[in-house]
């Protein structure tokens, strides 16, 4: 059977959780993970950049 509720939470997020990753620069990609920036704050990043430190930002 199909799964009707898969990804439904993404539709409630601003711009469907898509944007430009601040670390790698990929565009129109889902930003669902967090990484620390140089100042100790959080950045929302893509799956490829999950777990990376933001150096120099």
C-alpha atoms as a PDB file:
ATOM      1  CA  UNK A   1       0.000   0.000   0.000  1.00  0.00           C
ATOM      2  CA  UNK A   2       1.119   3.560  -0.561  1.00  0.00           C
ATOM      3  CA  UNK A   3       2.248   5.768   2.290  1.00  0.00           C
ATOM      4  CA  UNK A   4       0.082   8.878   2.234  1.00  0.00           C
ATOM      5  CA  UNK A   5       1.840  10.852   4.962  1.00  0.00           C
ATOM      6  CA  UNK A   6       5.444  10.573   3.751  1.00  0.00           C
ATOM      7  CA  UNK A   7       7.027  14.038   3.596  1.00  0.00           C
ATOM      8  CA  UNK A   8       3.884  15.842   4.706  1.00  0.00           C
ATOM      9  CA  UNK A   9       5.773  17.929   7.291  1.00  0.00           C
ATOM     10  CA  UNK A  10       7.914  19.435   4.509  1.00  0.00           C
ATOM     11  CA  UNK A  11       4.873  21.134   3.024  1.00  0.00           C
ATOM     12  CA  UNK A  12       4.378  23.138   6.224  1.00  0.00           C
ATOM     13  CA  UNK A  13       7.974  24.438   6.300  1.00  0.00           C
ATOM     14  CA  UNK A  14       8.968  27.722   4.639  1.00  0.00           C
ATOM     15  CA  UNK A  15       9.806  27.185   0.945  1.00  0.00           C
ATOM     16  CA  UNK A  16       9.231  23.446   1.463  1.00  0.00           C
ATOM     17  CA  UNK A  17      12.570  23.212   3.371  1.00  0.00           C
ATOM     18  CA  UNK A  18      14.510  23.935   0.177  1.00  0.00           C
ATOM     19  CA  UNK A  19      17.170  26.525  -0.427  1.00  0.00           C
ATOM     20  CA  UNK A  20      20.901  27.028  -0.948  1.00  0.00           C
ATOM     21  CA  UNK A  21      23.261  25.213   1.397  1.00  0.00           C
ATOM     22  CA  UNK A  22      25.565  27.733   3.118  1.00  0.00           C
ATOM     23  CA  UNK A  23      28.504  25.281   3.230  1.00  0.00           C
ATOM     24  CA  UNK A  24      28.678  23.660  -0.204  1.00  0.00           C
ATOM     25  CA  UNK A  25      26.579  26.136  -2.201  1.00  0.00           C
ATOM     26  CA  UNK A  26      24.200  23.529  -3.665  1.00  0.00           C
ATOM     27  CA  UNK A  27      20.997  25.189  -4.846  1.00  0.00           C
ATOM     28  CA  UNK A  28      17.377  24.008  -4.613  1.00  0.00           C
ATOM     29  CA  UNK A  29      18.315  21.288  -2.128  1.00  0.00           C
ATOM     30  CA  UNK A  30      16.536  20.192   1.045  1.00  0.00           C
ATOM     31  CA  UNK A  31      18.022  21.816   4.147  1.00  0.00           C
ATOM     32  CA  UNK A  32      17.027  19.496   6.980  1.00  0.00           C
ATOM     33  CA  UNK A  33      20.207  19.094   9.035  1.00  0.00           C
ATOM     34  CA  UNK A  34      22.112  21.375  11.410  1.00  0.00           C
ATOM     35  CA  UNK A  35      25.787  22.297  11.626  1.00  0.00           C
ATOM     36  CA  UNK A  36      27.666  24.670  13.919  1.00  0.00           C
ATOM     37  CA  UNK A  37      29.037  27.909  12.521  1.00  0.00           C
ATOM     38  CA  UNK A  38      32.214  29.629  13.705  1.00  0.00           C
ATOM     39  CA  UNK A  39      30.287  31.780  16.195  1.00  0.00           C
ATOM     40  CA  UNK A  40      28.669  28.783  17.892  1.00  0.00           C
ATOM     41  CA  UNK A  41      25.272  29.223  16.269  1.00  0.00           C
ATOM     42  CA  UNK A  42      23.390  26.723  14.154  1.00  0.00           C
ATOM     43  CA  UNK A  43      23.143  26.602  10.369  1.00  0.00           C
ATOM     44  CA  UNK A  44      20.627  24.579   8.384  1.00  0.00           C
ATOM     45  CA  UNK A  45      22.541  22.488   5.843  1.00  0.00           C
ATOM     46  CA  UNK A  46      21.988  19.711   3.289  1.00  0.00           C
ATOM     47  CA  UNK A  47      22.515  15.979   3.777  1.00  0.00           C
ATOM     48  CA  UNK A  48      26.001  16.041   2.229  1.00  0.00           C
ATOM     49  CA  UNK A  49      27.170  18.680   4.727  1.00  0.00           C
ATOM     50  CA  UNK A  50      25.594  17.020   7.768  1.00  0.00           C
ATOM     51  CA  UNK A  51      28.228  16.783  10.496  1.00  0.00           C
ATOM     52  CA  UNK A  52      30.659  19.282   8.920  1.00  0.00           C
ATOM     53  CA  UNK A  53      31.977  22.321  10.767  1.00  0.00           C
ATOM     54  CA  UNK A  54      31.503  25.698   9.107  1.00  0.00           C
ATOM     55  CA  UNK A  55      35.062  26.991   8.872  1.00  0.00           C
ATOM     56  CA  UNK A  56      35.539  30.692   8.304  1.00  0.00           C
ATOM     57  CA  UNK A  57      31.876  31.651   8.366  1.00  0.00           C
END
